[in-house]
N, C-alpha and C. Protein backbone atom coordinates (compact mmCIF):
# COMPACT_ATOMS: atom_id res chain seq x y z
N MET A 1 -48.15 -159.20 -18.61
CA MET A 1 -46.99 -158.78 -19.80
C MET A 1 -47.19 -159.98 -20.81
N PRO A 2 -46.90 -159.19 -21.76
CA PRO A 2 -47.08 -160.06 -23.44
C PRO A 2 -46.00 -160.78 -23.80
N ARG A 3 -45.99 -161.69 -24.03
CA ARG A 3 -44.72 -162.26 -24.69
C ARG A 3 -44.41 -161.52 -26.03
N PRO A 4 -42.98 -161.90 -26.19
CA PRO A 4 -42.64 -160.86 -27.56
C PRO A 4 -43.15 -161.57 -28.58
N LEU A 5 -43.62 -160.81 -29.66
CA LEU A 5 -44.25 -161.26 -30.28
C LEU A 5 -43.17 -162.07 -31.77
N GLY A 6 -43.65 -163.02 -32.33
CA GLY A 6 -42.93 -164.16 -33.18
C GLY A 6 -42.53 -163.09 -34.35
N GLU A 7 -41.52 -163.68 -35.55
CA GLU A 7 -41.03 -163.14 -36.48
C GLU A 7 -42.32 -162.82 -37.19
N LEU A 8 -43.07 -163.47 -37.57
CA LEU A 8 -44.08 -163.28 -38.55
C LEU A 8 -45.13 -162.68 -38.23
N GLU A 9 -45.51 -162.65 -36.49
CA GLU A 9 -46.64 -162.00 -36.10
C GLU A 9 -46.09 -160.53 -36.20
N ASP A 10 -44.88 -160.44 -35.85
CA ASP A 10 -44.25 -158.89 -35.70
C ASP A 10 -44.27 -158.19 -37.21
N ALA A 11 -43.89 -159.36 -38.12
CA ALA A 11 -44.07 -158.64 -39.42
C ALA A 11 -45.43 -158.22 -39.91
N VAL A 12 -46.42 -159.28 -39.49
CA VAL A 12 -48.13 -158.96 -39.55
C VAL A 12 -48.48 -157.63 -38.44
N MET A 13 -47.99 -157.83 -37.57
CA MET A 13 -48.55 -156.28 -36.98
C MET A 13 -48.12 -155.09 -37.28
N THR A 14 -46.94 -155.17 -37.61
CA THR A 14 -45.90 -153.90 -38.02
C THR A 14 -46.76 -153.47 -39.37
N ARG A 15 -47.47 -154.20 -40.24
CA ARG A 15 -48.29 -153.64 -41.26
C ARG A 15 -49.54 -153.17 -40.74
N VAL A 16 -50.18 -154.04 -39.66
CA VAL A 16 -51.35 -153.43 -39.13
C VAL A 16 -51.32 -151.92 -38.37
N TRP A 17 -49.82 -151.87 -37.58
CA TRP A 17 -49.76 -150.60 -36.94
C TRP A 17 -49.34 -149.89 -37.79
N GLN A 18 -48.41 -149.89 -38.90
CA GLN A 18 -48.24 -148.80 -39.79
C GLN A 18 -49.59 -148.18 -40.84
N TRP A 19 -50.24 -149.31 -41.21
CA TRP A 19 -51.56 -148.88 -41.86
C TRP A 19 -52.31 -147.88 -41.72
N ASN A 20 -52.88 -148.66 -39.97
CA ASN A 20 -53.38 -147.92 -39.03
C ASN A 20 -54.80 -147.68 -39.47
N ARG A 21 -55.35 -149.20 -40.03
CA ARG A 21 -56.84 -148.90 -40.67
C ARG A 21 -57.20 -150.53 -40.28
N PRO A 22 -58.23 -150.64 -40.81
CA PRO A 22 -58.94 -152.23 -40.84
C PRO A 22 -57.81 -152.49 -42.05
N VAL A 23 -57.50 -153.56 -41.69
CA VAL A 23 -57.09 -154.74 -42.79
C VAL A 23 -57.34 -156.06 -43.26
N THR A 24 -57.59 -156.74 -44.47
CA THR A 24 -57.76 -158.00 -44.68
C THR A 24 -56.39 -159.30 -44.71
N VAL A 25 -56.49 -159.98 -44.56
CA VAL A 25 -55.55 -161.19 -44.72
C VAL A 25 -55.19 -161.20 -46.04
N ARG A 26 -55.78 -160.80 -47.15
CA ARG A 26 -55.64 -160.70 -48.45
C ARG A 26 -54.63 -159.10 -48.74
N GLU A 27 -54.62 -158.20 -48.01
CA GLU A 27 -54.10 -157.13 -47.88
C GLU A 27 -52.25 -157.47 -47.38
N VAL A 28 -52.41 -158.20 -46.19
CA VAL A 28 -51.39 -158.54 -45.54
C VAL A 28 -50.70 -159.09 -46.15
N LEU A 29 -51.23 -160.61 -47.07
CA LEU A 29 -50.76 -161.32 -47.49
C LEU A 29 -49.96 -160.54 -48.63
N GLU A 30 -50.60 -159.95 -49.51
CA GLU A 30 -49.89 -159.39 -50.78
C GLU A 30 -48.80 -158.32 -50.26
N ASP A 31 -48.81 -157.76 -49.43
CA ASP A 31 -47.52 -156.90 -48.79
C ASP A 31 -46.43 -157.96 -48.47
N LEU A 32 -46.58 -159.02 -47.60
CA LEU A 32 -45.45 -160.00 -47.32
C LEU A 32 -45.09 -160.82 -48.22
N GLN A 33 -45.59 -160.93 -49.47
CA GLN A 33 -45.19 -161.38 -50.41
C GLN A 33 -44.35 -160.63 -51.42
N GLN A 34 -44.13 -159.43 -51.33
CA GLN A 34 -42.73 -158.79 -51.46
C GLN A 34 -41.32 -158.79 -50.91
N GLU A 35 -41.66 -159.60 -49.71
CA GLU A 35 -40.54 -159.87 -49.52
C GLU A 35 -40.21 -161.34 -49.24
N ARG A 36 -41.36 -162.27 -49.21
CA ARG A 36 -40.95 -163.72 -49.02
C ARG A 36 -42.16 -164.68 -49.84
N SER A 37 -41.76 -165.89 -50.08
CA SER A 37 -43.01 -166.40 -50.43
C SER A 37 -44.06 -166.89 -48.90
N ILE A 38 -44.74 -166.72 -48.81
CA ILE A 38 -46.19 -166.94 -48.00
C ILE A 38 -47.42 -167.66 -48.36
N ALA A 39 -48.08 -168.44 -47.92
CA ALA A 39 -49.18 -168.87 -48.10
C ALA A 39 -50.28 -168.04 -47.67
N TYR A 40 -51.52 -167.93 -48.27
CA TYR A 40 -52.56 -167.48 -47.70
C TYR A 40 -52.97 -168.00 -46.39
N THR A 41 -53.27 -169.12 -46.52
CA THR A 41 -53.43 -169.81 -44.89
C THR A 41 -52.45 -169.60 -43.64
N THR A 42 -51.34 -169.30 -43.96
CA THR A 42 -50.25 -169.09 -43.25
C THR A 42 -50.60 -167.67 -42.48
N VAL A 43 -50.53 -166.89 -43.15
CA VAL A 43 -51.22 -165.38 -42.72
C VAL A 43 -52.41 -165.19 -41.92
N MET A 44 -53.54 -166.10 -42.66
CA MET A 44 -54.67 -166.28 -41.98
C MET A 44 -54.35 -166.88 -40.73
N THR A 45 -53.72 -167.99 -40.30
CA THR A 45 -53.47 -168.59 -39.04
C THR A 45 -53.06 -167.99 -38.45
N VAL A 46 -52.00 -166.81 -38.89
CA VAL A 46 -51.31 -165.80 -37.82
C VAL A 46 -52.35 -164.91 -37.19
N MET A 47 -52.78 -164.36 -38.06
CA MET A 47 -53.70 -163.15 -37.85
C MET A 47 -55.24 -163.82 -36.79
N ASP A 48 -55.72 -164.78 -37.19
CA ASP A 48 -56.30 -165.58 -36.31
C ASP A 48 -56.11 -165.48 -34.72
N ASN A 49 -54.50 -166.15 -34.80
CA ASN A 49 -53.72 -166.41 -33.69
C ASN A 49 -53.53 -165.00 -32.71
N LEU A 50 -53.15 -163.93 -33.66
CA LEU A 50 -53.21 -162.49 -33.04
C LEU A 50 -54.39 -161.88 -32.24
N HIS A 51 -55.45 -162.67 -33.17
CA HIS A 51 -56.94 -162.24 -32.44
C HIS A 51 -57.30 -162.79 -31.49
N GLN A 52 -56.86 -164.24 -31.00
CA GLN A 52 -57.17 -164.97 -29.96
C GLN A 52 -56.30 -164.55 -28.92
N LYS A 53 -55.26 -164.14 -28.96
CA LYS A 53 -54.14 -163.61 -27.81
C LYS A 53 -54.53 -161.97 -27.72
N GLY A 54 -55.40 -161.37 -28.33
CA GLY A 54 -56.01 -159.57 -28.21
C GLY A 54 -54.91 -158.76 -28.46
N TRP A 55 -54.57 -159.21 -29.63
CA TRP A 55 -53.64 -158.06 -30.57
C TRP A 55 -54.19 -157.35 -31.25
N VAL A 56 -55.45 -158.04 -31.87
CA VAL A 56 -56.48 -157.51 -32.77
C VAL A 56 -57.56 -157.70 -32.72
N ARG A 57 -58.60 -156.95 -33.06
CA ARG A 57 -59.96 -157.16 -33.23
C ARG A 57 -60.22 -157.48 -34.47
N ARG A 58 -61.54 -158.33 -34.70
CA ARG A 58 -61.94 -158.34 -35.86
C ARG A 58 -63.16 -158.19 -36.38
N GLU A 59 -64.02 -157.74 -37.31
CA GLU A 59 -65.33 -157.47 -37.74
C GLU A 59 -65.36 -158.05 -39.38
N ALA A 60 -66.40 -158.99 -39.28
CA ALA A 60 -66.52 -159.71 -40.35
C ALA A 60 -67.10 -158.92 -41.46
N GLU A 61 -66.85 -159.02 -42.71
CA GLU A 61 -66.84 -158.06 -43.93
C GLU A 61 -67.16 -159.27 -45.25
N GLY A 62 -68.27 -159.58 -45.27
CA GLY A 62 -68.89 -160.63 -46.16
C GLY A 62 -68.21 -162.15 -45.55
N ARG A 63 -67.28 -162.79 -46.26
CA ARG A 63 -66.96 -164.06 -45.81
C ARG A 63 -65.62 -163.78 -44.93
N ALA A 64 -64.84 -162.73 -45.20
CA ALA A 64 -63.58 -162.30 -44.65
C ALA A 64 -63.76 -161.50 -43.38
N TYR A 65 -62.84 -161.06 -42.73
CA TYR A 65 -62.80 -160.21 -41.48
C TYR A 65 -61.64 -159.14 -42.12
N ARG A 66 -61.87 -158.02 -41.33
CA ARG A 66 -61.12 -156.83 -41.31
C ARG A 66 -60.59 -156.96 -39.75
N TYR A 67 -59.28 -156.96 -39.60
CA TYR A 67 -58.23 -157.05 -38.77
C TYR A 67 -57.88 -155.42 -38.20
N THR A 68 -58.53 -154.90 -36.87
CA THR A 68 -57.49 -153.94 -36.53
C THR A 68 -56.69 -153.66 -35.42
N ALA A 69 -55.71 -153.28 -34.94
CA ALA A 69 -54.70 -153.11 -33.83
C ALA A 69 -55.68 -153.04 -32.57
N VAL A 70 -55.34 -153.48 -31.43
CA VAL A 70 -56.21 -152.94 -30.52
C VAL A 70 -54.96 -152.10 -29.56
N SER A 71 -54.29 -152.16 -29.78
CA SER A 71 -52.90 -151.19 -29.02
C SER A 71 -52.09 -150.79 -29.99
N THR A 72 -50.71 -149.84 -29.69
CA THR A 72 -50.10 -149.41 -30.72
C THR A 72 -48.97 -149.85 -30.20
N ARG A 73 -47.90 -149.91 -31.36
CA ARG A 73 -46.47 -150.52 -31.30
C ARG A 73 -45.91 -149.82 -30.11
N ALA A 74 -46.15 -148.62 -29.62
CA ALA A 74 -45.10 -147.82 -28.66
C ALA A 74 -45.66 -148.38 -27.12
N ALA A 75 -47.38 -148.69 -27.18
CA ALA A 75 -47.74 -149.56 -25.89
C ALA A 75 -47.36 -150.80 -26.00
N TYR A 76 -46.91 -151.47 -26.84
CA TYR A 76 -46.35 -153.01 -27.06
C TYR A 76 -45.08 -152.63 -26.90
N SER A 77 -44.08 -152.05 -27.16
CA SER A 77 -42.73 -151.95 -26.93
C SER A 77 -42.41 -151.40 -25.52
N ALA A 78 -43.32 -150.47 -24.78
CA ALA A 78 -43.42 -149.90 -23.65
C ALA A 78 -43.51 -151.11 -22.52
N ALA A 79 -44.65 -151.99 -22.70
CA ALA A 79 -44.82 -153.35 -22.19
C ALA A 79 -43.30 -154.34 -21.80
N LEU A 80 -42.89 -154.38 -22.91
CA LEU A 80 -41.33 -155.15 -23.31
C LEU A 80 -40.73 -154.71 -22.04
N MET A 81 -40.68 -153.14 -22.45
CA MET A 81 -39.41 -152.48 -21.63
C MET A 81 -39.71 -152.54 -20.36
N ASN A 82 -40.51 -152.49 -19.99
CA ASN A 82 -41.06 -152.57 -18.26
C ASN A 82 -41.14 -153.99 -17.85
N GLU A 83 -41.43 -154.58 -18.67
CA GLU A 83 -41.29 -156.17 -18.13
C GLU A 83 -39.72 -156.37 -17.89
N ALA A 84 -39.13 -156.36 -19.15
CA ALA A 84 -37.57 -156.60 -18.48
C ALA A 84 -36.71 -156.09 -17.57
N TRP A 85 -37.29 -154.63 -17.20
CA TRP A 85 -36.99 -153.75 -16.18
C TRP A 85 -37.19 -154.45 -14.75
N SER A 86 -38.54 -154.56 -14.86
CA SER A 86 -39.06 -155.40 -13.31
C SER A 86 -38.71 -156.41 -12.76
N THR A 87 -38.06 -157.32 -14.13
CA THR A 87 -37.57 -158.54 -13.60
C THR A 87 -36.31 -158.36 -13.36
N SER A 88 -35.71 -157.55 -13.17
CA SER A 88 -33.98 -157.14 -12.99
C SER A 88 -34.08 -157.35 -11.37
N ASP A 89 -32.81 -157.85 -11.07
CA ASP A 89 -32.65 -158.43 -9.30
C ASP A 89 -32.15 -156.96 -9.05
N ASN A 90 -31.24 -155.57 -9.65
CA ASN A 90 -31.08 -154.60 -9.66
C ASN A 90 -31.32 -153.69 -10.61
N PRO A 91 -33.09 -153.25 -10.63
CA PRO A 91 -33.45 -152.31 -11.68
C PRO A 91 -32.67 -151.28 -11.69
N ALA A 92 -32.13 -150.32 -10.81
CA ALA A 92 -31.57 -149.40 -11.08
C ALA A 92 -30.14 -149.60 -11.89
N ALA A 93 -29.36 -150.57 -11.83
CA ALA A 93 -28.39 -150.68 -12.30
C ALA A 93 -28.58 -151.44 -13.95
N ALA A 94 -29.80 -152.04 -14.12
CA ALA A 94 -30.53 -152.33 -15.43
C ALA A 94 -30.47 -151.10 -16.33
N LEU A 95 -31.09 -150.09 -15.23
CA LEU A 95 -31.43 -148.90 -16.05
C LEU A 95 -30.29 -147.87 -16.38
N VAL A 96 -28.99 -148.01 -15.88
CA VAL A 96 -27.86 -147.32 -15.80
C VAL A 96 -27.50 -147.99 -16.88
N ALA A 97 -27.12 -149.31 -17.13
CA ALA A 97 -26.65 -150.14 -18.37
C ALA A 97 -27.86 -149.75 -19.56
N PHE A 98 -29.13 -149.87 -19.65
CA PHE A 98 -29.78 -149.41 -20.76
C PHE A 98 -29.27 -147.97 -20.97
N PHE A 99 -29.41 -147.18 -20.34
CA PHE A 99 -29.14 -145.73 -21.00
C PHE A 99 -27.66 -145.35 -21.16
N GLY A 100 -26.77 -146.42 -21.16
CA GLY A 100 -25.39 -146.38 -21.62
C GLY A 100 -25.13 -146.99 -23.06
N MET A 101 -26.27 -147.85 -23.49
CA MET A 101 -26.66 -147.95 -24.75
C MET A 101 -27.41 -147.39 -25.90
N MET A 102 -27.50 -146.43 -25.10
CA MET A 102 -28.54 -145.23 -25.81
C MET A 102 -27.78 -144.63 -26.83
N SER A 103 -28.45 -144.17 -28.12
CA SER A 103 -27.69 -142.97 -29.05
C SER A 103 -28.05 -141.52 -28.44
N ALA A 104 -27.41 -140.77 -28.78
CA ALA A 104 -27.53 -139.49 -28.45
C ALA A 104 -29.02 -139.28 -28.73
N GLU A 105 -29.75 -139.51 -30.28
CA GLU A 105 -31.04 -139.36 -30.55
C GLU A 105 -32.00 -140.00 -29.54
N GLN A 106 -31.67 -141.15 -29.03
CA GLN A 106 -32.57 -142.05 -27.80
C GLN A 106 -32.60 -141.23 -26.68
N ARG A 107 -31.39 -140.97 -26.28
CA ARG A 107 -31.27 -140.16 -24.97
C ARG A 107 -31.94 -138.93 -25.25
N GLU A 108 -32.13 -138.08 -26.36
CA GLU A 108 -32.98 -136.89 -26.22
C GLU A 108 -34.26 -137.11 -26.24
N ALA A 109 -34.75 -138.38 -26.79
CA ALA A 109 -36.23 -138.95 -26.76
C ALA A 109 -36.96 -139.39 -25.33
N LEU A 110 -35.57 -139.45 -24.33
CA LEU A 110 -36.11 -139.90 -23.26
C LEU A 110 -35.95 -138.52 -22.53
N ARG A 111 -35.28 -137.48 -22.50
CA ARG A 111 -35.38 -136.37 -21.88
C ARG A 111 -36.63 -135.73 -22.30
N ASP A 112 -36.76 -136.13 -23.63
CA ASP A 112 -38.37 -135.32 -24.02
C ASP A 112 -39.60 -135.99 -23.26
N ALA A 113 -39.54 -137.66 -23.34
CA ALA A 113 -40.54 -138.27 -22.42
C ALA A 113 -40.65 -138.04 -21.02
N ILE A 114 -39.28 -137.49 -20.49
CA ILE A 114 -39.31 -137.15 -18.87
C ILE A 114 -40.19 -135.71 -18.93
N ARG A 115 -39.47 -134.89 -19.57
CA ARG A 115 -40.67 -133.59 -19.82
C ARG A 115 -42.02 -133.80 -19.72
N ILE A 116 -42.54 -134.66 -20.97
CA ILE A 116 -43.65 -134.97 -21.27
C ILE A 116 -44.53 -135.36 -19.74
N VAL A 117 -44.10 -136.33 -18.87
CA VAL A 117 -44.29 -137.02 -17.70
C VAL A 117 -44.12 -136.30 -16.73
N GLY A 118 -43.16 -135.58 -16.65
CA GLY A 118 -42.81 -134.94 -15.49
C GLY A 118 -41.92 -135.64 -14.50
N HIS A 119 -41.18 -135.23 -13.66
CA HIS A 119 -40.29 -135.95 -12.57
C HIS A 119 -41.15 -136.69 -11.53
N ASP A 120 -42.09 -136.32 -11.03
CA ASP A 120 -42.92 -136.98 -10.23
C ASP A 120 -44.44 -137.13 -10.21
N GLY A 121 -44.31 -137.62 -11.58
CA GLY A 121 -45.57 -138.42 -12.11
C GLY A 121 -46.73 -137.52 -12.66
N GLU A 122 -46.67 -136.43 -12.44
CA GLU A 122 -47.23 -135.28 -13.09
C GLU A 122 -47.15 -134.88 -14.25
N SER A 123 -48.04 -134.52 -15.16
CA SER A 123 -47.52 -134.10 -16.42
C SER A 123 -47.17 -132.54 -16.66
N VAL A 124 -47.01 -132.40 -17.80
CA VAL A 124 -46.21 -130.86 -17.84
C VAL A 124 -47.39 -130.28 -17.74
N ALA A 125 -48.78 -130.58 -18.08
CA ALA A 125 -49.89 -129.96 -17.72
C ALA A 125 -50.31 -129.52 -16.75
N GLY A 126 -49.99 -130.31 -15.58
CA GLY A 126 -50.28 -130.29 -14.48
C GLY A 126 -51.33 -131.08 -13.17
N PRO A 127 -51.45 -132.39 -14.15
CA PRO A 127 -52.85 -132.79 -13.51
C PRO A 127 -52.24 -133.80 -12.24
N ALA A 128 -52.93 -134.52 -11.30
CA ALA A 128 -52.33 -135.14 -10.10
C ALA A 128 -51.99 -136.61 -10.83
N ALA A 129 -50.80 -136.98 -10.25
CA ALA A 129 -51.03 -138.39 -10.81
C ALA A 129 -52.30 -139.42 -10.38
N GLY A 130 -52.47 -140.29 -11.35
CA GLY A 130 -53.70 -141.02 -10.88
C GLY A 130 -54.73 -140.32 -11.41
N SER A 131 -55.01 -138.96 -11.95
CA SER A 131 -55.95 -138.41 -12.24
C SER A 131 -56.86 -139.07 -13.69
N ALA A 132 -58.03 -138.62 -13.89
CA ALA A 132 -58.66 -139.13 -15.13
C ALA A 132 -58.35 -138.12 -16.34
N ALA A 133 -57.00 -137.28 -15.98
CA ALA A 133 -56.84 -136.22 -17.34
C ALA A 133 -56.53 -137.19 -18.38
N GLU A 134 -56.85 -136.30 -19.65
CA GLU A 134 -56.06 -136.89 -21.09
C GLU A 134 -54.84 -137.16 -20.90
N PRO A 135 -54.18 -138.30 -21.83
CA PRO A 135 -52.62 -138.45 -21.70
C PRO A 135 -52.35 -136.88 -22.90
N PRO A 136 -50.90 -137.16 -22.22
CA PRO A 136 -50.18 -135.78 -23.13
C PRO A 136 -50.04 -136.18 -24.51
N ALA A 137 -50.49 -135.22 -25.17
CA ALA A 137 -50.42 -135.25 -26.82
C ALA A 137 -49.01 -136.35 -27.20
N GLY A 138 -49.43 -136.96 -28.15
CA GLY A 138 -48.41 -138.47 -28.75
C GLY A 138 -48.47 -139.38 -28.00
N ALA A 139 -49.26 -139.23 -26.86
CA ALA A 139 -49.23 -140.51 -26.10
C ALA A 139 -50.19 -141.67 -26.21
N PRO A 140 -49.92 -142.90 -26.40
CA PRO A 140 -50.92 -143.41 -26.65
C PRO A 140 -52.15 -143.85 -25.43
N ALA A 141 -53.22 -143.65 -25.83
CA ALA A 141 -54.29 -143.50 -25.08
C ALA A 141 -54.66 -145.01 -25.10
N GLU A 142 -54.33 -146.00 -25.46
CA GLU A 142 -54.78 -147.34 -25.21
C GLU A 142 -54.10 -147.98 -24.12
N ALA A 143 -54.77 -148.99 -23.80
CA ALA A 143 -54.16 -149.39 -22.47
C ALA A 143 -52.88 -150.04 -22.85
N PRO A 144 -51.60 -150.51 -22.40
CA PRO A 144 -50.82 -151.20 -23.24
C PRO A 144 -50.78 -152.74 -22.88
N PRO A 145 -50.40 -153.47 -24.00
CA PRO A 145 -50.67 -154.92 -24.17
C PRO A 145 -50.14 -155.56 -22.87
N GLY A 146 -50.65 -156.28 -22.41
CA GLY A 146 -50.94 -156.96 -21.04
C GLY A 146 -51.65 -157.07 -20.48
N ALA A 147 -52.66 -155.78 -20.61
CA ALA A 147 -53.99 -155.38 -19.79
C ALA A 147 -55.03 -155.93 -21.07
N PRO A 148 -55.99 -156.61 -20.35
CA PRO A 148 -56.89 -156.94 -21.20
C PRO A 148 -57.73 -155.70 -22.17
N PRO A 149 -57.86 -156.42 -23.53
CA PRO A 149 -58.52 -155.04 -24.41
C PRO A 149 -59.85 -154.52 -23.96
N ALA A 150 -60.01 -153.68 -24.57
CA ALA A 150 -61.23 -152.76 -24.23
C ALA A 150 -62.21 -153.19 -24.65
N GLU A 151 -62.30 -153.85 -25.69
CA GLU A 151 -63.41 -155.10 -25.69
C GLU A 151 -62.93 -156.48 -25.95
N GLY A 152 -63.80 -157.68 -25.64
CA GLY A 152 -63.71 -158.86 -25.82
C GLY A 152 -63.64 -159.52 -27.28
N ASP A 153 -63.33 -160.74 -27.21
CA ASP A 153 -63.67 -161.00 -28.66
C ASP A 153 -65.15 -161.67 -28.90
N SER A 154 -65.40 -162.05 -29.97
CA SER A 154 -66.94 -162.21 -30.30
C SER A 154 -67.45 -163.29 -29.28
N ALA A 155 -66.99 -164.04 -28.54
CA ALA A 155 -67.21 -164.83 -27.39
C ALA A 155 -67.65 -164.21 -26.14
N GLY A 156 -66.74 -163.01 -26.14
CA GLY A 156 -66.94 -162.37 -24.94
C GLY A 156 -65.76 -163.03 -23.89
N ARG A 157 -64.83 -163.42 -24.43
CA ARG A 157 -64.04 -164.15 -23.26
C ARG A 157 -62.64 -163.16 -23.22
N GLY A 158 -63.13 -161.84 -23.75
CA GLY A 158 -61.72 -161.05 -23.28
C GLY A 158 -60.24 -161.18 -22.96
N THR A 159 -59.87 -162.18 -24.30
CA THR A 159 -58.66 -162.65 -24.12
C THR A 159 -57.51 -161.41 -23.96
N GLY A 160 -56.62 -161.19 -23.39
CA GLY A 160 -55.52 -160.47 -23.63
C GLY A 160 -54.02 -160.74 -24.06
N PRO A 161 -53.36 -160.18 -24.41
CA PRO A 161 -52.15 -160.58 -25.03
C PRO A 161 -51.36 -161.41 -24.62
N GLY A 162 -50.93 -162.18 -24.91
CA GLY A 162 -50.18 -163.24 -24.06
C GLY A 162 -51.09 -164.14 -23.22
N ARG A 163 -52.14 -164.49 -23.45
CA ARG A 163 -53.05 -165.20 -22.65
C ARG A 163 -53.40 -166.45 -23.53
């Protein structure tokens, strides 16, 4: 299970996820500086930490790196929700309480998600649970955070988020 991102890690990852392309420390720095005073070395350290934790992969470009997200924000959020739910001593009661907190729009999104996945683990298209079928349209294709990234780091350590 991934540990929740810290405030600055989340601010950096939000940009990486939103831009959905390889980014440099300089690009993230310049965007963050519109909101706060922050040093280049601070952003560089955070991005290196995110790489070491397995949240981003990086490729050298000259003397700098370009960073790309390993997973989606949706997969990260799902892993956090799953962890919170699975640690409850009464998962059904936790779900009832959670659903009770939802807005009408969130409940509609939940209904849509259930229709996509199906009631018994089968997708709307009908493949059996556990088959190698493609995920439903709009579903993240990546493994959720907490699972080792598809590619290890440059030293082959394969560190996953939260490790």
